[in-house]
Amino acid sequence: MIGLKRSGYRIRGTSAGEGFAGIVDSMATGYLREAFKKHRNFEKLPPDIRSYINNTQNISLVKLAQYRTLLGVNDKWLEEEQGVKFERIAGTR
């Protein structure tokens, strides 16, 4: 389980013993990057997030969590098929 207070989200692996930290491995990042770039809403993302997607070696799902609906990420499919669940966490200020 990972929680980042800045993003306000935690990503949890739903499989028993899953040590998922929300980082897409380098083998899959390229495919995910291309899918995001082809999405009709990619240009609607803030410039820093577009730059992050274009330039990072390994995409962090935690960093993109608040933009997942805009990018067409289906939470139900992600949880059922990939064993990944986004959870909103309360921020402390």
PDB file of N, CA and C in Angstrom:
ATOM      1  N   MET A   1       0.829  -1.173   0.000  1.00  0.00           N
ATOM      2  CA  MET A   1       0.000   0.000   0.000  1.00  0.00           C
ATOM      3  C   MET A   1       0.877   1.241   0.000  1.00  0.00           C
ATOM      4  N   ILE A   2       0.448   2.260  -0.704  1.00  0.00           N
ATOM      5  CA  ILE A   2       1.204   3.505  -0.709  1.00  0.00           C
ATOM      6  C   ILE A   2       0.241   4.654  -0.518  1.00  0.00           C
ATOM      7  N   GLY A   3       0.646   5.634   0.214  1.00  0.00           N
ATOM      8  CA  GLY A   3      -0.163   6.834   0.368  1.00  0.00           C
ATOM      9  C   GLY A   3       0.709   8.053   0.190  1.00  0.00           C
ATOM     10  N   LEU A   4       0.298   8.958  -0.662  1.00  0.00           N
ATOM     11  CA  LEU A   4       1.016  10.206  -0.850  1.00  0.00           C
ATOM     12  C   LEU A   4       0.072  11.336  -0.502  1.00  0.00           C
ATOM     13  N   LYS A   5       0.387  12.086   0.529  1.00  0.00           N
ATOM     14  CA  LYS A   5      -0.509  13.128   0.991  1.00  0.00           C
ATOM     15  C   LYS A   5      -0.702  14.232  -0.043  1.00  0.00           C
ATOM     16  N   ARG A   6       0.322  14.512  -0.838  1.00  0.00           N
ATOM     17  CA  ARG A   6       0.183  15.572  -1.832  1.00  0.00           C
ATOM     18  C   ARG A   6      -0.892  15.242  -2.853  1.00  0.00           C
ATOM     19  N   SER A   7      -0.981  14.004  -3.274  1.00  0.00           N
ATOM     20  CA  SER A   7      -1.956  13.641  -4.298  1.00  0.00           C
ATOM     21  C   SER A   7      -3.334  13.395  -3.712  1.00  0.00           C
ATOM     22  N   GLY A   8      -3.393  13.032  -2.445  1.00  0.00           N
ATOM     23  CA  GLY A   8      -4.679  12.734  -1.825  1.00  0.00           C
ATOM     24  C   GLY A   8      -5.207  11.352  -2.168  1.00  0.00           C
ATOM     25  N   TYR A   9      -4.393  10.491  -2.765  1.00  0.00           N
ATOM     26  CA  TYR A   9      -4.816   9.149  -3.146  1.00  0.00           C
ATOM     27  C   TYR A   9      -3.835   8.118  -2.648  1.00  0.00           C
ATOM     28  N   ARG A  10      -4.353   6.919  -2.472  1.00  0.00           N
ATOM     29  CA  ARG A  10      -3.544   5.753  -2.152  1.00  0.00           C
ATOM     30  C   ARG A  10      -3.935   4.705  -3.188  1.00  0.00           C
ATOM     31  N   ILE A  11      -2.973   3.940  -3.636  1.00  0.00           N
ATOM     32  CA  ILE A  11      -3.258   2.853  -4.565  1.00  0.00           C
ATOM     33  C   ILE A  11      -2.952   1.569  -3.838  1.00  0.00           C
ATOM     34  N   ARG A  12      -3.914   0.655  -3.893  1.00  0.00           N
ATOM     35  CA  ARG A  12      -3.784  -0.591  -3.156  1.00  0.00           C
ATOM     36  C   ARG A  12      -3.948  -1.747  -4.117  1.00  0.00           C
ATOM     37  N   GLY A  13      -3.051  -2.727  -4.003  1.00  0.00           N
ATOM     38  CA  GLY A  13      -3.219  -3.971  -4.738  1.00  0.00           C
ATOM     39  C   GLY A  13      -4.297  -4.776  -4.054  1.00  0.00           C
ATOM     40  N   THR A  14      -5.222  -5.331  -4.813  1.00  0.00           N
ATOM     41  CA  THR A  14      -6.325  -6.063  -4.198  1.00  0.00           C
ATOM     42  C   THR A  14      -6.019  -7.542  -4.034  1.00  0.00           C
ATOM     43  N   SER A  15      -4.926  -8.018  -4.613  1.00  0.00           N
ATOM     44  CA  SER A  15      -4.546  -9.423  -4.441  1.00  0.00           C
ATOM     45  C   SER A  15      -3.859  -9.602  -3.097  1.00  0.00           C
ATOM     46  N   ALA A  16      -4.051 -10.745  -2.503  1.00  0.00           N
ATOM     47  CA  ALA A  16      -3.423 -11.027  -1.211  1.00  0.00           C
ATOM     48  C   ALA A  16      -1.909 -10.956  -1.345  1.00  0.00           C
ATOM     49  N   GLY A  17      -1.285 -10.245  -0.428  1.00  0.00           N
ATOM     50  CA  GLY A  17       0.163 -10.131  -0.422  1.00  0.00           C
ATOM     51  C   GLY A  17       0.721  -9.208  -1.481  1.00  0.00           C
ATOM     52  N   GLU A  18      -0.117  -8.460  -2.141  1.00  0.00           N
ATOM     53  CA  GLU A  18       0.312  -7.583  -3.223  1.00  0.00           C
ATOM     54  C   GLU A  18       1.136  -6.430  -2.673  1.00  0.00           C
ATOM     55  N   GLY A  19       2.312  -6.207  -3.230  1.00  0.00           N
ATOM     56  CA  GLY A  19       3.188  -5.137  -2.784  1.00  0.00           C
ATOM     57  C   GLY A  19       3.209  -3.973  -3.755  1.00  0.00           C
ATOM     58  N   PHE A  20       2.120  -3.732  -4.436  1.00  0.00           N
ATOM     59  CA  PHE A  20       2.017  -2.731  -5.481  1.00  0.00           C
ATOM     60  C   PHE A  20       2.217  -1.325  -4.939  1.00  0.00           C
ATOM     61  N   ALA A  21       3.081  -0.545  -5.581  1.00  0.00           N
ATOM     62  CA  ALA A  21       3.371   0.810  -5.115  1.00  0.00           C
ATOM     63  C   ALA A  21       2.836   1.881  -6.056  1.00  0.00           C
ATOM     64  N   GLY A  22       2.099   1.507  -7.096  1.00  0.00           N
ATOM     65  CA  GLY A  22       1.517   2.494  -7.995  1.00  0.00           C
ATOM     66  C   GLY A  22       2.428   2.939  -9.118  1.00  0.00           C
ATOM     67  N   ILE A  23       3.564   2.277  -9.293  1.00  0.00           N
ATOM     68  CA  ILE A  23       4.496   2.616 -10.368  1.00  0.00           C
ATOM     69  C   ILE A  23       4.332   1.590 -11.487  1.00  0.00           C
ATOM     70  N   VAL A  24       4.084   2.086 -12.691  1.00  0.00           N
ATOM     71  CA  VAL A  24       3.956   1.205 -13.852  1.00  0.00           C
ATOM     72  C   VAL A  24       5.360   0.826 -14.293  1.00  0.00           C
ATOM     73  N   ASP A  25       5.615  -0.460 -14.501  1.00  0.00           N
ATOM     74  CA  ASP A  25       6.978  -0.878 -14.854  1.00  0.00           C
ATOM     75  C   ASP A  25       7.368  -0.392 -16.249  1.00  0.00           C
ATOM     76  N   SER A  26       8.654  -0.414 -16.510  1.00  0.00           N
ATOM     77  CA  SER A  26       9.172   0.148 -17.754  1.00  0.00           C
ATOM     78  C   SER A  26       8.667  -0.588 -18.995  1.00  0.00           C
ATOM     79  N   MET A  27       8.327  -1.861 -18.863  1.00  0.00           N
ATOM     80  CA  MET A  27       7.805  -2.616 -20.001  1.00  0.00           C
ATOM     81  C   MET A  27       6.424  -2.106 -20.419  1.00  0.00           C
ATOM     82  N   ALA A  28       5.612  -1.676 -19.465  1.00  0.00           N
ATOM     83  CA  ALA A  28       4.248  -1.243 -19.757  1.00  0.00           C
ATOM     84  C   ALA A  28       4.110   0.268 -19.904  1.00  0.00           C
ATOM     85  N   THR A  29       5.046   1.039 -19.373  1.00  0.00           N
ATOM     86  CA  THR A  29       4.928   2.495 -19.400  1.00  0.00           C
ATOM     87  C   THR A  29       4.774   3.037 -20.814  1.00  0.00           C
ATOM     88  N   GLY A  30       5.530   2.521 -21.753  1.00  0.00           N
ATOM     89  CA  GLY A  30       5.446   3.005 -23.135  1.00  0.00           C
ATOM     90  C   GLY A  30       4.058   2.830 -23.732  1.00  0.00           C
ATOM     91  N   TYR A  31       3.456   1.680 -23.484  1.00  0.00           N
ATOM     92  CA  TYR A  31       2.103   1.419 -23.986  1.00  0.00           C
ATOM     93  C   TYR A  31       1.080   2.341 -23.324  1.00  0.00           C
ATOM     94  N   LEU A  32       1.216   2.511 -22.019  1.00  0.00           N
ATOM     95  CA  LEU A  32       0.299   3.384 -21.290  1.00  0.00           C
ATOM     96  C   LEU A  32       0.469   4.827 -21.742  1.00  0.00           C
ATOM     97  N   ARG A  33       1.712   5.261 -21.909  1.00  0.00           N
ATOM     98  CA  ARG A  33       1.993   6.620 -22.371  1.00  0.00           C
ATOM     99  C   ARG A  33       1.311   6.883 -23.714  1.00  0.00           C
ATOM    100  N   GLU A  34       1.484   5.958 -24.655  1.00  0.00           N
ATOM    101  CA  GLU A  34       0.884   6.126 -25.980  1.00  0.00           C
ATOM    102  C   GLU A  34      -0.640   6.145 -25.909  1.00  0.00           C
ATOM    103  N   ALA A  35      -1.210   5.312 -25.059  1.00  0.00           N
ATOM    104  CA  ALA A  35      -2.671   5.299 -24.898  1.00  0.00           C
ATOM    105  C   ALA A  35      -3.158   6.632 -24.354  1.00  0.00           C
ATOM    106  N   PHE A  36      -2.464   7.165 -23.346  1.00  0.00           N
ATOM    107  CA  PHE A  36      -2.857   8.469 -22.792  1.00  0.00           C
ATOM    108  C   PHE A  36      -2.719   9.565 -23.841  1.00  0.00           C
ATOM    109  N   LYS A  37      -1.642   9.553 -24.597  1.00  0.00           N
ATOM    110  CA  LYS A  37      -1.412  10.599 -25.600  1.00  0.00           C
ATOM    111  C   LYS A  37      -2.451  10.564 -26.714  1.00  0.00           C
ATOM    112  N   LYS A  38      -2.980   9.374 -27.018  1.00  0.00           N
ATOM    113  CA  LYS A  38      -3.998   9.249 -28.066  1.00  0.00           C
ATOM    114  C   LYS A  38      -5.395   9.596 -27.568  1.00  0.00           C
ATOM    115  N   HIS A  39      -5.573   9.662 -26.249  1.00  0.00           N
ATOM    116  CA  HIS A  39      -6.899   9.931 -25.692  1.00  0.00           C
ATOM    117  C   HIS A  39      -7.338  11.348 -26.049  1.00  0.00           C
ATOM    118  N   ARG A  40      -8.602  11.510 -26.362  1.00  0.00           N
ATOM    119  CA  ARG A  40      -9.128  12.805 -26.809  1.00  0.00           C
ATOM    120  C   ARG A  40      -8.974  13.917 -25.774  1.00  0.00           C
ATOM    121  N   ASN A  41      -8.838  13.579 -24.506  1.00  0.00           N
ATOM    122  CA  ASN A  41      -8.724  14.602 -23.463  1.00  0.00           C
ATOM    123  C   ASN A  41      -7.285  14.900 -23.041  1.00  0.00           C
ATOM    124  N   PHE A  42      -6.313  14.291 -23.692  1.00  0.00           N
ATOM    125  CA  PHE A  42      -4.920  14.488 -23.295  1.00  0.00           C
ATOM    126  C   PHE A  42      -4.538  15.971 -23.283  1.00  0.00           C
ATOM    127  N   GLU A  43      -4.955  16.712 -24.270  1.00  0.00           N
ATOM    128  CA  GLU A  43      -4.614  18.137 -24.361  1.00  0.00           C
ATOM    129  C   GLU A  43      -5.304  18.977 -23.291  1.00  0.00           C
ATOM    130  N   LYS A  44      -6.302  18.441 -22.633  1.00  0.00           N
ATOM    131  CA  LYS A  44      -6.997  19.157 -21.560  1.00  0.00           C
ATOM    132  C   LYS A  44      -6.259  19.062 -20.220  1.00  0.00           C
ATOM    133  N   LEU A  45      -5.278  18.175 -20.143  1.00  0.00           N
ATOM    134  CA  LEU A  45      -4.502  18.027 -18.911  1.00  0.00           C
ATOM    135  C   LEU A  45      -3.631  19.255 -18.687  1.00  0.00           C
ATOM    136  N   PRO A  46      -3.313  19.558 -17.424  1.00  0.00           N
ATOM    137  CA  PRO A  46      -2.375  20.646 -17.148  1.00  0.00           C
ATOM    138  C   PRO A  46      -1.025  20.360 -17.819  1.00  0.00           C
ATOM    139  N   PRO A  47      -0.328  21.414 -18.249  1.00  0.00           N
ATOM    140  CA  PRO A  47       0.950  21.227 -18.954  1.00  0.00           C
ATOM    141  C   PRO A  47       1.966  20.387 -18.187  1.00  0.00           C
ATOM    142  N   ASP A  48       2.037  20.538 -16.866  1.00  0.00           N
ATOM    143  CA  ASP A  48       3.023  19.764 -16.101  1.00  0.00           C
ATOM    144  C   ASP A  48       2.711  18.274 -16.116  1.00  0.00           C
ATOM    145  N   ILE A  49       1.431  17.912 -16.135  1.00  0.00           N
ATOM    146  CA  ILE A  49       1.043  16.498 -16.174  1.00  0.00           C
ATOM    147  C   ILE A  49       1.296  15.920 -17.566  1.00  0.00           C
ATOM    148  N   ARG A  50       1.000  16.689 -18.618  1.00  0.00           N
ATOM    149  CA  ARG A  50       1.312  16.228 -19.982  1.00  0.00           C
ATOM    150  C   ARG A  50       2.818  15.995 -20.127  1.00  0.00           C
ATOM    151  N   SER A  51       3.607  16.923 -19.603  1.00  0.00           N
ATOM    152  CA  SER A  51       5.057  16.794 -19.654  1.00  0.00           C
ATOM    153  C   SER A  51       5.521  15.568 -18.873  1.00  0.00           C
ATOM    154  N   TYR A  52       4.926  15.346 -17.712  1.00  0.00           N
ATOM    155  CA  TYR A  52       5.271  14.178 -16.898  1.00  0.00           C
ATOM    156  C   TYR A  52       5.014  12.887 -17.683  1.00  0.00           C
ATOM    157  N   ILE A  53       3.835  12.776 -18.284  1.00  0.00           N
ATOM    158  CA  ILE A  53       3.484  11.578 -19.053  1.00  0.00           C
ATOM    159  C   ILE A  53       4.461  11.386 -20.217  1.00  0.00           C
ATOM    160  N   ASN A  54       4.797  12.468 -20.891  1.00  0.00           N
ATOM    161  CA  ASN A  54       5.690  12.392 -22.047  1.00  0.00           C
ATOM    162  C   ASN A  54       7.128  12.039 -21.694  1.00  0.00           C
ATOM    163  N   ASN A  55       7.580  12.419 -20.505  1.00  0.00           N
ATOM    164  CA  ASN A  55       9.008  12.345 -20.210  1.00  0.00           C
ATOM    165  C   ASN A  55       9.452  11.387 -19.115  1.00  0.00           C
ATOM    166  N   THR A  56       8.537  10.873 -18.326  1.00  0.00           N
ATOM    167  CA  THR A  56       8.962  10.011 -17.218  1.00  0.00           C
ATOM    168  C   THR A  56       9.323   8.614 -17.703  1.00  0.00           C
ATOM    169  N   GLN A  57      10.258   8.002 -17.017  1.00  0.00           N
ATOM    170  CA  GLN A  57      10.665   6.639 -17.370  1.00  0.00           C
ATOM    171  C   GLN A  57       9.620   5.626 -16.905  1.00  0.00           C
ATOM    172  N   ASN A  58       9.079   5.811 -15.712  1.00  0.00           N
ATOM    173  CA  ASN A  58       8.052   4.923 -15.161  1.00  0.00           C
ATOM    174  C   ASN A  58       6.908   5.784 -14.640  1.00  0.00           C
ATOM    175  N   ILE A  59       5.727   5.607 -15.190  1.00  0.00           N
ATOM    176  CA  ILE A  59       4.557   6.403 -14.803  1.00  0.00           C
ATOM    177  C   ILE A  59       4.071   5.987 -13.423  1.00  0.00           C
ATOM    178  N   SER A  60       3.805   6.982 -12.583  1.00  0.00           N
ATOM    179  CA  SER A  60       3.238   6.753 -11.260  1.00  0.00           C
ATOM    180  C   SER A  60       1.725   6.969 -11.329  1.00  0.00           C
ATOM    181  N   LEU A  61       0.965   5.919 -11.027  1.00  0.00           N
ATOM    182  CA  LEU A  61      -0.486   6.046 -11.031  1.00  0.00           C
ATOM    183  C   LEU A  61      -0.971   6.967  -9.917  1.00  0.00           C
ATOM    184  N   VAL A  62      -0.214   7.052  -8.839  1.00  0.00           N
ATOM    185  CA  VAL A  62      -0.585   7.951  -7.744  1.00  0.00           C
ATOM    186  C   VAL A  62      -0.572   9.395  -8.240  1.00  0.00           C
ATOM    187  N   LYS A  63       0.443   9.756  -8.999  1.00  0.00           N
ATOM    188  CA  LYS A  63       0.568  11.118  -9.514  1.00  0.00           C
ATOM    189  C   LYS A  63      -0.568  11.451 -10.481  1.00  0.00           C
ATOM    190  N   LEU A  64      -1.058  10.464 -11.209  1.00  0.00           N
ATOM    191  CA  LEU A  64      -2.113  10.691 -12.197  1.00  0.00           C
ATOM    192  C   LEU A  64      -3.519  10.421 -11.666  1.00  0.00           C
ATOM    193  N   ALA A  65      -3.636  10.010 -10.417  1.00  0.00           N
ATOM    194  CA  ALA A  65      -4.920   9.565  -9.867  1.00  0.00           C
ATOM    195  C   ALA A  65      -6.040  10.577 -10.055  1.00  0.00           C
ATOM    196  N   GLN A  66      -5.793  11.828  -9.791  1.00  0.00           N
ATOM    197  CA  GLN A  66      -6.872  12.810  -9.886  1.00  0.00           C
ATOM    198  C   GLN A  66      -7.297  13.098 -11.329  1.00  0.00           C
ATOM    199  N   TYR A  67      -6.506  12.653 -12.303  1.00  0.00           N
ATOM    200  CA  TYR A  67      -6.825  12.873 -13.718  1.00  0.00           C
ATOM    201  C   TYR A  67      -7.324  11.607 -14.410  1.00  0.00           C
ATOM    202  N   ARG A  68      -7.507  10.527 -13.676  1.00  0.00           N
ATOM    203  CA  ARG A  68      -7.809   9.239 -14.307  1.00  0.00           C
ATOM    204  C   ARG A  68      -9.135   9.229 -15.047  1.00  0.00           C
ATOM    205  N   THR A  69     -10.165   9.896 -14.551  1.00  0.00           N
ATOM    206  CA  THR A  69     -11.449   9.932 -15.254  1.00  0.00           C
ATOM    207  C   THR A  69     -11.314  10.700 -16.565  1.00  0.00           C
ATOM    208  N   LEU A  70     -10.604  11.812 -16.532  1.00  0.00           N
ATOM    209  CA  LEU A  70     -10.370  12.607 -17.734  1.00  0.00           C
ATOM    210  C   LEU A  70      -9.626  11.796 -18.795  1.00  0.00           C
ATOM    211  N   LEU A  71      -8.759  10.894 -18.350  1.00  0.00           N
ATOM    212  CA  LEU A  71      -7.979  10.066 -19.265  1.00  0.00           C
ATOM    213  C   LEU A  71      -8.665   8.750 -19.631  1.00  0.00           C
ATOM    214  N   GLY A  72      -9.879   8.550 -19.154  1.00  0.00           N
ATOM    215  CA  GLY A  72     -10.640   7.363 -19.528  1.00  0.00           C
ATOM    216  C   GLY A  72     -10.304   6.105 -18.759  1.00  0.00           C
ATOM    217  N   VAL A  73      -9.704   6.245 -17.580  1.00  0.00           N
ATOM    218  CA  VAL A  73      -9.380   5.073 -16.763  1.00  0.00           C
ATOM    219  C   VAL A  73     -10.662   4.572 -16.103  1.00  0.00           C
ATOM    220  N   ASN A  74     -10.954   3.293 -16.275  1.00  0.00           N
ATOM    221  CA  ASN A  74     -12.145   2.674 -15.712  1.00  0.00           C
ATOM    222  C   ASN A  74     -11.758   1.991 -14.401  1.00  0.00           C
ATOM    223  N   ASP A  75     -12.148   2.597 -13.275  1.00  0.00           N
ATOM    224  CA  ASP A  75     -11.760   2.072 -11.964  1.00  0.00           C
ATOM    225  C   ASP A  75     -12.245   0.645 -11.727  1.00  0.00           C
ATOM    226  N   LYS A  76     -13.461   0.351 -12.152  1.00  0.00           N
ATOM    227  CA  LYS A  76     -14.020  -0.988 -11.932  1.00  0.00           C
ATOM    228  C   LYS A  76     -13.202  -2.038 -12.685  1.00  0.00           C
ATOM    229  N   TRP A  77     -12.893  -1.766 -13.958  1.00  0.00           N
ATOM    230  CA  TRP A  77     -12.090  -2.703 -14.751  1.00  0.00           C
ATOM    231  C   TRP A  77     -10.708  -2.846 -14.143  1.00  0.00           C
ATOM    232  N   LEU A  78     -10.097  -1.725 -13.743  1.00  0.00           N
ATOM    233  CA  LEU A  78      -8.749  -1.756 -13.180  1.00  0.00           C
ATOM    234  C   LEU A  78      -8.693  -2.618 -11.924  1.00  0.00           C
ATOM    235  N   GLU A  79      -9.727  -2.511 -11.093  1.00  0.00           N
ATOM    236  CA  GLU A  79      -9.752  -3.318  -9.875  1.00  0.00           C
ATOM    237  C   GLU A  79      -9.994  -4.795 -10.182  1.00  0.00           C
ATOM    238  N   GLU A  80     -10.967  -5.077 -11.050  1.00  0.00           N
ATOM    239  CA  GLU A  80     -11.318  -6.465 -11.341  1.00  0.00           C
ATOM    240  C   GLU A  80     -10.255  -7.184 -12.168  1.00  0.00           C
ATOM    241  N   GLU A  81      -9.705  -6.526 -13.180  1.00  0.00           N
ATOM    242  CA  GLU A  81      -8.791  -7.183 -14.108  1.00  0.00           C
ATOM    243  C   GLU A  81      -7.320  -7.060 -13.722  1.00  0.00           C
ATOM    244  N   GLN A  82      -6.960  -5.948 -13.087  1.00  0.00           N
ATOM    245  CA  GLN A  82      -5.554  -5.702 -12.783  1.00  0.00           C
ATOM    246  C   GLN A  82      -5.237  -5.750 -11.289  1.00  0.00           C
ATOM    247  N   GLY A  83      -6.258  -5.822 -10.455  1.00  0.00           N
ATOM    248  CA  GLY A  83      -6.038  -5.892  -9.017  1.00  0.00           C
ATOM    249  C   GLY A  83      -5.538  -4.595  -8.406  1.00  0.00           C
ATOM    250  N   VAL A  84      -5.944  -3.463  -8.983  1.00  0.00           N
ATOM    251  CA  VAL A  84      -5.500  -2.149  -8.520  1.00  0.00           C
ATOM    252  C   VAL A  84      -6.717  -1.332  -8.100  1.00  0.00           C
ATOM    253  N   LYS A  85      -6.639  -0.734  -6.931  1.00  0.00           N
ATOM    254  CA  LYS A  85      -7.761   0.053  -6.424  1.00  0.00           C
ATOM    255  C   LYS A  85      -7.264   1.422  -5.967  1.00  0.00           C
ATOM    256  N   PHE A  86      -7.916   2.487  -6.449  1.00  0.00           N
ATOM    257  CA  PHE A  86      -7.619   3.848  -6.007  1.00  0.00           C
ATOM    258  C   PHE A  86      -8.471   4.148  -4.785  1.00  0.00           C
ATOM    259  N   GLU A  87      -7.856   4.702  -3.762  1.00  0.00           N
ATOM    260  CA  GLU A  87      -8.586   5.089  -2.562  1.00  0.00           C
ATOM    261  C   GLU A  87      -8.266   6.534  -2.225  1.00  0.00           C
ATOM    262  N   ARG A  88      -9.292   7.323  -2.005  1.00  0.00           N
ATOM    263  CA  ARG A  88      -9.114   8.725  -1.606  1.00  0.00           C
ATOM    264  C   ARG A  88      -8.727   8.725  -0.140  1.00  0.00           C
ATOM    265  N   ILE A  89      -7.684   9.476   0.211  1.00  0.00           N
ATOM    266  CA  ILE A  89      -7.273   9.571   1.602  1.00  0.00           C
ATOM    267  C   ILE A  89      -7.434  11.012   2.079  1.00  0.00           C
ATOM    268  N   ALA A  90      -7.716  11.162   3.339  1.00  0.00           N
ATOM    269  CA  ALA A  90      -7.888  12.497   3.902  1.00  0.00           C
ATOM    270  C   ALA A  90      -6.528  13.163   4.029  1.00  0.00           C
ATOM    271  N   GLY A  91      -6.466  14.406   3.619  1.00  0.00           N
ATOM    272  CA  GLY A  91      -5.222  15.159   3.732  1.00  0.00           C
ATOM    273  C   GLY A  91      -5.146  15.884   5.061  1.00  0.00           C
ATOM    274  N   THR A  92      -3.939  16.083   5.527  1.00  0.00           N
ATOM    275  CA  THR A  92      -3.740  16.858   6.752  1.00  0.00           C
ATOM    276  C   THR A  92      -3.121  18.187   6.370  1.00  0.00           C
ATOM    277  N   ARG A  93      -3.625  19.225   6.956  1.00  0.00           N
ATOM    278  CA  ARG A  93      -3.119  20.561   6.639  1.00  0.00           C
ATOM    279  C   ARG A  93      -2.686  21.276   7.857  1.00  0.00           C
TER     280      ARG A  93
END
